[in-house]
């Protein structure tokens, strides 16, 4: 089973998921940055307010695959960024 949704990523790191909560047992997360000029960072390592992870450029799509369910955060490198999120 998979679920998709649109989310807004801001400059404060927040947990990323497609629906109203994280899909139970999620092992795949696909994130598409729909902004035309602002990148985002997606990852599972949050230290204070600094997020470490993958940089997703405007218009790019990344598929993240996990061995076990993992909390994933997203943070904009500028203004609010619309993203399309799919969990499976």
PDB file of N, CA and C in Angstrom:
ATOM      1  N   UNK A   1       0.845  -1.182   0.000  1.00  0.00           N
ATOM      2  CA  UNK A   1       0.000   0.000   0.000  1.00  0.00           C
ATOM      3  C   UNK A   1       0.884   1.237   0.000  1.00  0.00           C
ATOM      4  N   UNK A   2       0.483   2.255  -0.742  1.00  0.00           N
ATOM      5  CA  UNK A   2       1.218   3.511  -0.732  1.00  0.00           C
ATOM      6  C   UNK A   2       0.237   4.666  -0.574  1.00  0.00           C
ATOM      7  N   UNK A   3       0.766   5.811  -0.175  1.00  0.00           N
ATOM      8  CA  UNK A   3      -0.040   7.014   0.014  1.00  0.00           C
ATOM      9  C   UNK A   3       0.773   8.190  -0.500  1.00  0.00           C
ATOM     10  N   UNK A   4       0.117   9.141  -1.159  1.00  0.00           N
ATOM     11  CA  UNK A   4       0.781  10.334  -1.685  1.00  0.00           C
ATOM     12  C   UNK A   4       0.081  11.578  -1.162  1.00  0.00           C
ATOM     13  N   UNK A   5       0.842  12.664  -1.095  1.00  0.00           N
ATOM     14  CA  UNK A   5       0.263  13.925  -0.656  1.00  0.00           C
ATOM     15  C   UNK A   5       1.185  15.084  -0.937  1.00  0.00           C
ATOM     16  N   UNK A   6       0.646  16.287  -0.856  1.00  0.00           N
ATOM     17  CA  UNK A   6       1.424  17.506  -1.023  1.00  0.00           C
ATOM     18  C   UNK A   6       1.693  18.106   0.349  1.00  0.00           C
ATOM     19  N   UNK A   7       2.929  18.517   0.573  1.00  0.00           N
ATOM     20  CA  UNK A   7       3.329  19.127   1.840  1.00  0.00           C
ATOM     21  C   UNK A   7       4.088  20.407   1.547  1.00  0.00           C
ATOM     22  N   UNK A   8       4.205  21.263   2.548  1.00  0.00           N
ATOM     23  CA  UNK A   8       5.019  22.469   2.447  1.00  0.00           C
ATOM     24  C   UNK A   8       6.183  22.335   3.404  1.00  0.00           C
ATOM     25  N   UNK A   9       7.391  22.470   2.884  1.00  0.00           N
ATOM     26  CA  UNK A   9       8.611  22.380   3.690  1.00  0.00           C
ATOM     27  C   UNK A   9       9.094  23.801   3.953  1.00  0.00           C
ATOM     28  N   UNK A  10       9.373  24.101   5.224  1.00  0.00           N
ATOM     29  CA  UNK A  10       9.822  25.441   5.610  1.00  0.00           C
ATOM     30  C   UNK A  10      11.256  25.382   6.134  1.00  0.00           C
ATOM     31  N   UNK A  11      11.767  26.531   6.551  1.00  0.00           N
ATOM     32  CA  UNK A  11      13.178  26.604   6.958  1.00  0.00           C
ATOM     33  C   UNK A  11      13.450  25.990   8.331  1.00  0.00           C
ATOM     34  N   UNK A  12      12.418  25.601   9.056  1.00  0.00           N
ATOM     35  CA  UNK A  12      12.573  24.855  10.304  1.00  0.00           C
ATOM     36  C   UNK A  12      12.334  23.380   9.992  1.00  0.00           C
ATOM     37  N   UNK A  13      13.274  22.515  10.353  1.00  0.00           N
ATOM     38  CA  UNK A  13      13.147  21.085  10.038  1.00  0.00           C
ATOM     39  C   UNK A  13      11.907  20.498  10.697  1.00  0.00           C
ATOM     40  N   UNK A  14      11.203  19.677   9.931  1.00  0.00           N
ATOM     41  CA  UNK A  14      10.023  19.003  10.440  1.00  0.00           C
ATOM     42  C   UNK A  14       9.921  17.613   9.848  1.00  0.00           C
ATOM     43  N   UNK A  15       9.198  16.725  10.534  1.00  0.00           N
ATOM     44  CA  UNK A  15       9.040  15.357  10.061  1.00  0.00           C
ATOM     45  C   UNK A  15       8.271  15.357   8.741  1.00  0.00           C
ATOM     46  N   UNK A  16       8.655  14.470   7.834  1.00  0.00           N
ATOM     47  CA  UNK A  16       8.077  14.424   6.493  1.00  0.00           C
ATOM     48  C   UNK A  16       7.283  13.138   6.293  1.00  0.00           C
ATOM     49  N   UNK A  17       6.027  13.292   5.860  1.00  0.00           N
ATOM     50  CA  UNK A  17       5.164  12.156   5.544  1.00  0.00           C
ATOM     51  C   UNK A  17       4.073  12.656   4.616  1.00  0.00           C
ATOM     52  N   UNK A  18       3.386  11.725   3.957  1.00  0.00           N
ATOM     53  CA  UNK A  18       2.422  12.086   2.917  1.00  0.00           C
ATOM     54  C   UNK A  18       1.034  12.424   3.447  1.00  0.00           C
ATOM     55  N   UNK A  19       0.557  11.685   4.423  1.00  0.00           N
ATOM     56  CA  UNK A  19      -0.803  11.883   4.935  1.00  0.00           C
ATOM     57  C   UNK A  19      -0.817  12.708   6.200  1.00  0.00           C
ATOM     58  N   UNK A  20      -1.769  12.389   7.082  1.00  0.00           N
ATOM     59  CA  UNK A  20      -1.857  13.118   8.346  1.00  0.00           C
ATOM     60  C   UNK A  20      -0.881  12.568   9.381  1.00  0.00           C
ATOM     61  N   UNK A  21      -0.413  11.325   9.170  1.00  0.00           N
ATOM     62  CA  UNK A  21       0.613  10.711  10.011  1.00  0.00           C
ATOM     63  C   UNK A  21       1.509   9.860   9.120  1.00  0.00           C
ATOM     64  N   UNK A  22       2.609   9.393   9.679  1.00  0.00           N
ATOM     65  CA  UNK A  22       3.532   8.529   8.937  1.00  0.00           C
ATOM     66  C   UNK A  22       2.851   7.193   8.638  1.00  0.00           C
ATOM     67  N   UNK A  23       3.015   6.694   7.417  1.00  0.00           N
ATOM     68  CA  UNK A  23       2.483   5.387   7.045  1.00  0.00           C
ATOM     69  C   UNK A  23       3.189   4.317   7.863  1.00  0.00           C
ATOM     70  N   UNK A  24       2.421   3.492   8.564  1.00  0.00           N
ATOM     71  CA  UNK A  24       3.002   2.449   9.416  1.00  0.00           C
ATOM     72  C   UNK A  24       3.844   1.493   8.578  1.00  0.00           C
ATOM     73  N   UNK A  25       5.068   1.229   9.039  1.00  0.00           N
ATOM     74  CA  UNK A  25       5.964   0.307   8.350  1.00  0.00           C
ATOM     75  C   UNK A  25       6.596   0.875   7.093  1.00  0.00           C
ATOM     76  N   UNK A  26       6.592   2.186   6.942  1.00  0.00           N
ATOM     77  CA  UNK A  26       7.139   2.829   5.741  1.00  0.00           C
ATOM     78  C   UNK A  26       8.614   2.465   5.528  1.00  0.00           C
ATOM     79  N   UNK A  27       8.920   1.960   4.340  1.00  0.00           N
ATOM     80  CA  UNK A  27      10.299   1.641   3.969  1.00  0.00           C
ATOM     81  C   UNK A  27      10.758   2.426   2.750  1.00  0.00           C
ATOM     82  N   UNK A  28       9.827   3.066   2.050  1.00  0.00           N
ATOM     83  CA  UNK A  28      10.158   3.848   0.853  1.00  0.00           C
ATOM     84  C   UNK A  28       9.534   5.229   0.987  1.00  0.00           C
ATOM     85  N   UNK A  29      10.312   6.238   0.647  1.00  0.00           N
ATOM     86  CA  UNK A  29       9.836   7.616   0.650  1.00  0.00           C
ATOM     87  C   UNK A  29      10.329   8.276  -0.631  1.00  0.00           C
ATOM     88  N   UNK A  30       9.407   8.780  -1.423  1.00  0.00           N
ATOM     89  CA  UNK A  30       9.760   9.491  -2.653  1.00  0.00           C
ATOM     90  C   UNK A  30       9.385  10.952  -2.448  1.00  0.00           C
ATOM     91  N   UNK A  31      10.351  11.853  -2.689  1.00  0.00           N
ATOM     92  CA  UNK A  31      10.141  13.277  -2.464  1.00  0.00           C
ATOM     93  C   UNK A  31      10.451  14.036  -3.748  1.00  0.00           C
ATOM     94  N   UNK A  32       9.503  14.852  -4.199  1.00  0.00           N
ATOM     95  CA  UNK A  32       9.703  15.688  -5.386  1.00  0.00           C
ATOM     96  C   UNK A  32       9.621  17.151  -4.968  1.00  0.00           C
ATOM     97  N   UNK A  33      10.708  17.884  -5.188  1.00  0.00           N
ATOM     98  CA  UNK A  33      10.759  19.310  -4.894  1.00  0.00           C
ATOM     99  C   UNK A  33      10.073  20.039  -6.049  1.00  0.00           C
ATOM    100  N   UNK A  34       8.936  20.673  -5.781  1.00  0.00           N
ATOM    101  CA  UNK A  34       8.140  21.307  -6.827  1.00  0.00           C
ATOM    102  C   UNK A  34       8.427  22.804  -6.975  1.00  0.00           C
ATOM    103  N   UNK A  35       9.390  23.323  -6.221  1.00  0.00           N
ATOM    104  CA  UNK A  35       9.725  24.752  -6.320  1.00  0.00           C
ATOM    105  C   UNK A  35      10.590  24.990  -7.549  1.00  0.00           C
ATOM    106  N   UNK A  36      10.576  26.208  -8.058  1.00  0.00           N
ATOM    107  CA  UNK A  36      11.370  26.503  -9.255  1.00  0.00           C
ATOM    108  C   UNK A  36      12.759  27.052  -8.966  1.00  0.00           C
ATOM    109  N   UNK A  37      13.063  27.363  -7.679  1.00  0.00           N
ATOM    110  CA  UNK A  37      14.387  27.932  -7.420  1.00  0.00           C
ATOM    111  C   UNK A  37      14.984  27.646  -6.049  1.00  0.00           C
ATOM    112  N   UNK A  38      14.271  26.963  -5.159  1.00  0.00           N
ATOM    113  CA  UNK A  38      14.777  26.732  -3.800  1.00  0.00           C
ATOM    114  C   UNK A  38      14.944  25.240  -3.532  1.00  0.00           C
ATOM    115  N   UNK A  39      16.131  24.861  -3.043  1.00  0.00           N
ATOM    116  CA  UNK A  39      16.431  23.466  -2.709  1.00  0.00           C
ATOM    117  C   UNK A  39      15.939  23.143  -1.296  1.00  0.00           C
ATOM    118  N   UNK A  40      15.820  21.844  -1.010  1.00  0.00           N
ATOM    119  CA  UNK A  40      15.496  21.365   0.328  1.00  0.00           C
ATOM    120  C   UNK A  40      16.521  20.306   0.729  1.00  0.00           C
ATOM    121  N   UNK A  41      16.566  20.001   2.014  1.00  0.00           N
ATOM    122  CA  UNK A  41      17.384  18.911   2.538  1.00  0.00           C
ATOM    123  C   UNK A  41      16.440  17.911   3.188  1.00  0.00           C
ATOM    124  N   UNK A  42      16.641  16.623   2.893  1.00  0.00           N
ATOM    125  CA  UNK A  42      15.837  15.549   3.462  1.00  0.00           C
ATOM    126  C   UNK A  42      16.784  14.554   4.105  1.00  0.00           C
ATOM    127  N   UNK A  43      16.534  14.192   5.367  1.00  0.00           N
ATOM    128  CA  UNK A  43      17.408  13.245   6.045  1.00  0.00           C
ATOM    129  C   UNK A  43      16.850  12.812   7.383  1.00  0.00           C
ATOM    130  N   UNK A  44      17.584  11.930   8.035  1.00  0.00           N
ATOM    131  CA  UNK A  44      17.125  11.402   9.320  1.00  0.00           C
ATOM    132  C   UNK A  44      18.006  11.853  10.487  1.00  0.00           C
ATOM    133  N   UNK A  45      19.020  12.672  10.226  1.00  0.00           N
ATOM    134  CA  UNK A  45      19.910  13.133  11.287  1.00  0.00           C
ATOM    135  C   UNK A  45      19.662  14.607  11.562  1.00  0.00           C
ATOM    136  N   UNK A  46      19.037  14.880  12.695  1.00  0.00           N
ATOM    137  CA  UNK A  46      18.729  16.241  13.116  1.00  0.00           C
ATOM    138  C   UNK A  46      19.496  16.522  14.397  1.00  0.00           C
ATOM    139  N   UNK A  47      20.408  17.508  14.341  1.00  0.00           N
ATOM    140  CA  UNK A  47      21.209  17.890  15.500  1.00  0.00           C
ATOM    141  C   UNK A  47      20.857  19.334  15.835  1.00  0.00           C
ATOM    142  N   UNK A  48      20.120  19.504  16.919  1.00  0.00           N
ATOM    143  CA  UNK A  48      19.617  20.842  17.252  1.00  0.00           C
ATOM    144  C   UNK A  48      18.654  21.281  16.163  1.00  0.00           C
ATOM    145  N   UNK A  49      18.999  22.357  15.450  1.00  0.00           N
ATOM    146  CA  UNK A  49      18.165  22.831  14.342  1.00  0.00           C
ATOM    147  C   UNK A  49      18.796  22.533  12.988  1.00  0.00           C
ATOM    148  N   UNK A  50      19.918  21.828  12.968  1.00  0.00           N
ATOM    149  CA  UNK A  50      20.639  21.523  11.732  1.00  0.00           C
ATOM    150  C   UNK A  50      20.283  20.122  11.240  1.00  0.00           C
ATOM    151  N   UNK A  51      19.814  20.030  10.008  1.00  0.00           N
ATOM    152  CA  UNK A  51      19.451  18.757   9.397  1.00  0.00           C
ATOM    153  C   UNK A  51      20.552  18.316   8.446  1.00  0.00           C
ATOM    154  N   UNK A  52      20.976  17.075   8.566  1.00  0.00           N
ATOM    155  CA  UNK A  52      21.986  16.491   7.678  1.00  0.00           C
ATOM    156  C   UNK A  52      21.302  15.449   6.812  1.00  0.00           C
ATOM    157  N   UNK A  53      21.535  15.507   5.499  1.00  0.00           N
ATOM    158  CA  UNK A  53      20.897  14.549   4.615  1.00  0.00           C
ATOM    159  C   UNK A  53      21.154  14.850   3.158  1.00  0.00           C
ATOM    160  N   UNK A  54      20.190  14.489   2.326  1.00  0.00           N
ATOM    161  CA  UNK A  54      20.286  14.652   0.880  1.00  0.00           C
ATOM    162  C   UNK A  54      19.726  16.009   0.468  1.00  0.00           C
ATOM    163  N   UNK A  55      20.434  16.683  -0.397  1.00  0.00           N
ATOM    164  CA  UNK A  55      19.950  17.946  -0.964  1.00  0.00           C
ATOM    165  C   UNK A  55      19.128  17.600  -2.206  1.00  0.00           C
ATOM    166  N   UNK A  56      17.911  18.110  -2.273  1.00  0.00           N
ATOM    167  CA  UNK A  56      17.049  17.896  -3.426  1.00  0.00           C
ATOM    168  C   UNK A  56      16.825  19.253  -4.085  1.00  0.00           C
ATOM    169  N   UNK A  57      17.345  19.392  -5.280  1.00  0.00           N
ATOM    170  CA  UNK A  57      17.278  20.649  -6.020  1.00  0.00           C
ATOM    171  C   UNK A  57      15.874  20.879  -6.578  1.00  0.00           C
ATOM    172  N   UNK A  58      15.552  22.117  -6.963  1.00  0.00           N
ATOM    173  CA  UNK A  58      14.245  22.416  -7.545  1.00  0.00           C
ATOM    174  C   UNK A  58      13.953  21.511  -8.746  1.00  0.00           C
ATOM    175  N   UNK A  59      12.752  20.938  -8.766  1.00  0.00           N
ATOM    176  CA  UNK A  59      12.339  20.075  -9.864  1.00  0.00           C
ATOM    177  C   UNK A  59      12.834  18.644  -9.783  1.00  0.00           C
ATOM    178  N   UNK A  60      13.727  18.340  -8.846  1.00  0.00           N
ATOM    179  CA  UNK A  60      14.274  16.985  -8.730  1.00  0.00           C
ATOM    180  C   UNK A  60      13.392  16.097  -7.857  1.00  0.00           C
ATOM    181  N   UNK A  61      13.515  14.782  -8.102  1.00  0.00           N
ATOM    182  CA  UNK A  61      12.791  13.771  -7.329  1.00  0.00           C
ATOM    183  C   UNK A  61      13.808  12.765  -6.809  1.00  0.00           C
ATOM    184  N   UNK A  62      13.697  12.400  -5.536  1.00  0.00           N
ATOM    185  CA  UNK A  62      14.591  11.418  -4.923  1.00  0.00           C
ATOM    186  C   UNK A  62      13.772  10.311  -4.285  1.00  0.00           C
ATOM    187  N   UNK A  63      14.245   9.078  -4.431  1.00  0.00           N
ATOM    188  CA  UNK A  63      13.614   7.921  -3.797  1.00  0.00           C
ATOM    189  C   UNK A  63      14.544   7.428  -2.695  1.00  0.00           C
ATOM    190  N   UNK A  64      14.037   7.393  -1.472  1.00  0.00           N
ATOM    191  CA  UNK A  64      14.807   6.925  -0.329  1.00  0.00           C
ATOM    192  C   UNK A  64      14.244   5.570   0.092  1.00  0.00           C
ATOM    193  N   UNK A  65      15.119   4.576   0.240  1.00  0.00           N
ATOM    194  CA  UNK A  65      14.711   3.228   0.635  1.00  0.00           C
ATOM    195  C   UNK A  65      15.403   2.893   1.951  1.00  0.00           C
ATOM    196  N   UNK A  66      14.635   2.388   2.919  1.00  0.00           N
ATOM    197  CA  UNK A  66      15.146   2.101   4.247  1.00  0.00           C
ATOM    198  C   UNK A  66      15.052   0.610   4.565  1.00  0.00           C
ATOM    199  N   UNK A  67      15.971   0.108   5.372  1.00  0.00           N
ATOM    200  CA  UNK A  67      15.953  -1.291   5.812  1.00  0.00           C
ATOM    201  C   UNK A  67      14.927  -1.495   6.922  1.00  0.00           C
ATOM    202  N   UNK A  68      14.609  -0.412   7.632  1.00  0.00           N
ATOM    203  CA  UNK A  68      13.626  -0.453   8.709  1.00  0.00           C
ATOM    204  C   UNK A  68      12.934   0.901   8.750  1.00  0.00           C
ATOM    205  N   UNK A  69      11.729   0.983   9.330  1.00  0.00           N
ATOM    206  CA  UNK A  69      11.038   2.266   9.403  1.00  0.00           C
ATOM    207  C   UNK A  69      11.922   3.336  10.054  1.00  0.00           C
ATOM    208  N   UNK A  70      11.996   4.496   9.433  1.00  0.00           N
ATOM    209  CA  UNK A  70      12.914   5.552   9.846  1.00  0.00           C
ATOM    210  C   UNK A  70      12.194   6.896   9.854  1.00  0.00           C
ATOM    211  N   UNK A  71      12.444   7.706  10.877  1.00  0.00           N
ATOM    212  CA  UNK A  71      11.915   9.068  10.912  1.00  0.00           C
ATOM    213  C   UNK A  71      12.726   9.921   9.939  1.00  0.00           C
ATOM    214  N   UNK A  72      12.025  10.634   9.074  1.00  0.00           N
ATOM    215  CA  UNK A  72      12.680  11.467   8.065  1.00  0.00           C
ATOM    216  C   UNK A  72      12.205  12.903   8.248  1.00  0.00           C
ATOM    217  N   UNK A  73      13.156  13.835   8.178  1.00  0.00           N
ATOM    218  CA  UNK A  73      12.874  15.253   8.316  1.00  0.00           C
ATOM    219  C   UNK A  73      13.164  15.961   6.997  1.00  0.00           C
ATOM    220  N   UNK A  74      12.554  17.136   6.820  1.00  0.00           N
ATOM    221  CA  UNK A  74      12.829  17.968   5.649  1.00  0.00           C
ATOM    222  C   UNK A  74      12.981  19.414   6.100  1.00  0.00           C
ATOM    223  N   UNK A  75      13.835  20.151   5.381  1.00  0.00           N
ATOM    224  CA  UNK A  75      14.085  21.549   5.718  1.00  0.00           C
ATOM    225  C   UNK A  75      14.367  22.313   4.430  1.00  0.00           C
ATOM    226  N   UNK A  76      13.720  23.448   4.271  1.00  0.00           N
ATOM    227  CA  UNK A  76      13.957  24.308   3.111  1.00  0.00           C
ATOM    228  C   UNK A  76      15.251  25.094   3.321  1.00  0.00           C
ATOM    229  N   UNK A  77      15.933  25.363   2.221  1.00  0.00           N
ATOM    230  CA  UNK A  77      17.134  26.202   2.284  1.00  0.00           C
ATOM    231  C   UNK A  77      16.792  27.653   1.965  1.00  0.00           C
ATOM    232  N   UNK A  78      15.512  27.979   2.001  1.00  0.00           N
ATOM    233  CA  UNK A  78      15.054  29.349   1.740  1.00  0.00           C
ATOM    234  C   UNK A  78      13.624  29.512   2.199  1.00  0.00           C
ATOM    235  N   UNK A  79      12.755  29.856   1.258  1.00  0.00           N
ATOM    236  CA  UNK A  79      11.337  30.083   1.564  1.00  0.00           C
ATOM    237  C   UNK A  79      10.565  28.774   1.650  1.00  0.00           C
ATOM    238  N   UNK A  80       9.259  28.864   1.848  1.00  0.00           N
ATOM    239  CA  UNK A  80       8.389  27.683   1.883  1.00  0.00           C
ATOM    240  C   UNK A  80       8.412  26.997   0.519  1.00  0.00           C
ATOM    241  N   UNK A  81       8.581  25.684   0.529  1.00  0.00           N
ATOM    242  CA  UNK A  81       8.733  24.895  -0.702  1.00  0.00           C
ATOM    243  C   UNK A  81       7.651  23.811  -0.764  1.00  0.00           C
ATOM    244  N   UNK A  82       6.860  23.781  -1.845  1.00  0.00           N
ATOM    245  CA  UNK A  82       5.897  22.701  -1.992  1.00  0.00           C
ATOM    246  C   UNK A  82       6.610  21.416  -2.440  1.00  0.00           C
ATOM    247  N   UNK A  83       6.240  20.303  -1.831  1.00  0.00           N
ATOM    248  CA  UNK A  83       6.824  19.022  -2.207  1.00  0.00           C
ATOM    249  C   UNK A  83       5.713  17.983  -2.354  1.00  0.00           C
ATOM    250  N   UNK A  84       5.943  17.035  -3.252  1.00  0.00           N
ATOM    251  CA  UNK A  84       5.050  15.890  -3.388  1.00  0.00           C
ATOM    252  C   UNK A  84       5.734  14.724  -2.694  1.00  0.00           C
ATOM    253  N   UNK A  85       5.002  14.052  -1.811  1.00  0.00           N
ATOM    254  CA  UNK A  85       5.565  12.974  -1.007  1.00  0.00           C
ATOM    255  C   UNK A  85       4.772  11.693  -1.245  1.00  0.00           C
ATOM    256  N   UNK A  86       5.479  10.589  -1.489  1.00  0.00           N
ATOM    257  CA  UNK A  86       4.842   9.273  -1.598  1.00  0.00           C
ATOM    258  C   UNK A  86       5.527   8.344  -0.619  1.00  0.00           C
ATOM    259  N   UNK A  87       4.728   7.625   0.179  1.00  0.00           N
ATOM    260  CA  UNK A  87       5.252   6.647   1.140  1.00  0.00           C
ATOM    261  C   UNK A  87       4.765   5.264   0.753  1.00  0.00           C
ATOM    262  N   UNK A  88       5.602   4.262   0.977  1.00  0.00           N
ATOM    263  CA  UNK A  88       5.201   2.870   0.740  1.00  0.00           C
ATOM    264  C   UNK A  88       5.920   1.984   1.728  1.00  0.00           C
TER     265      UNK A  88
END
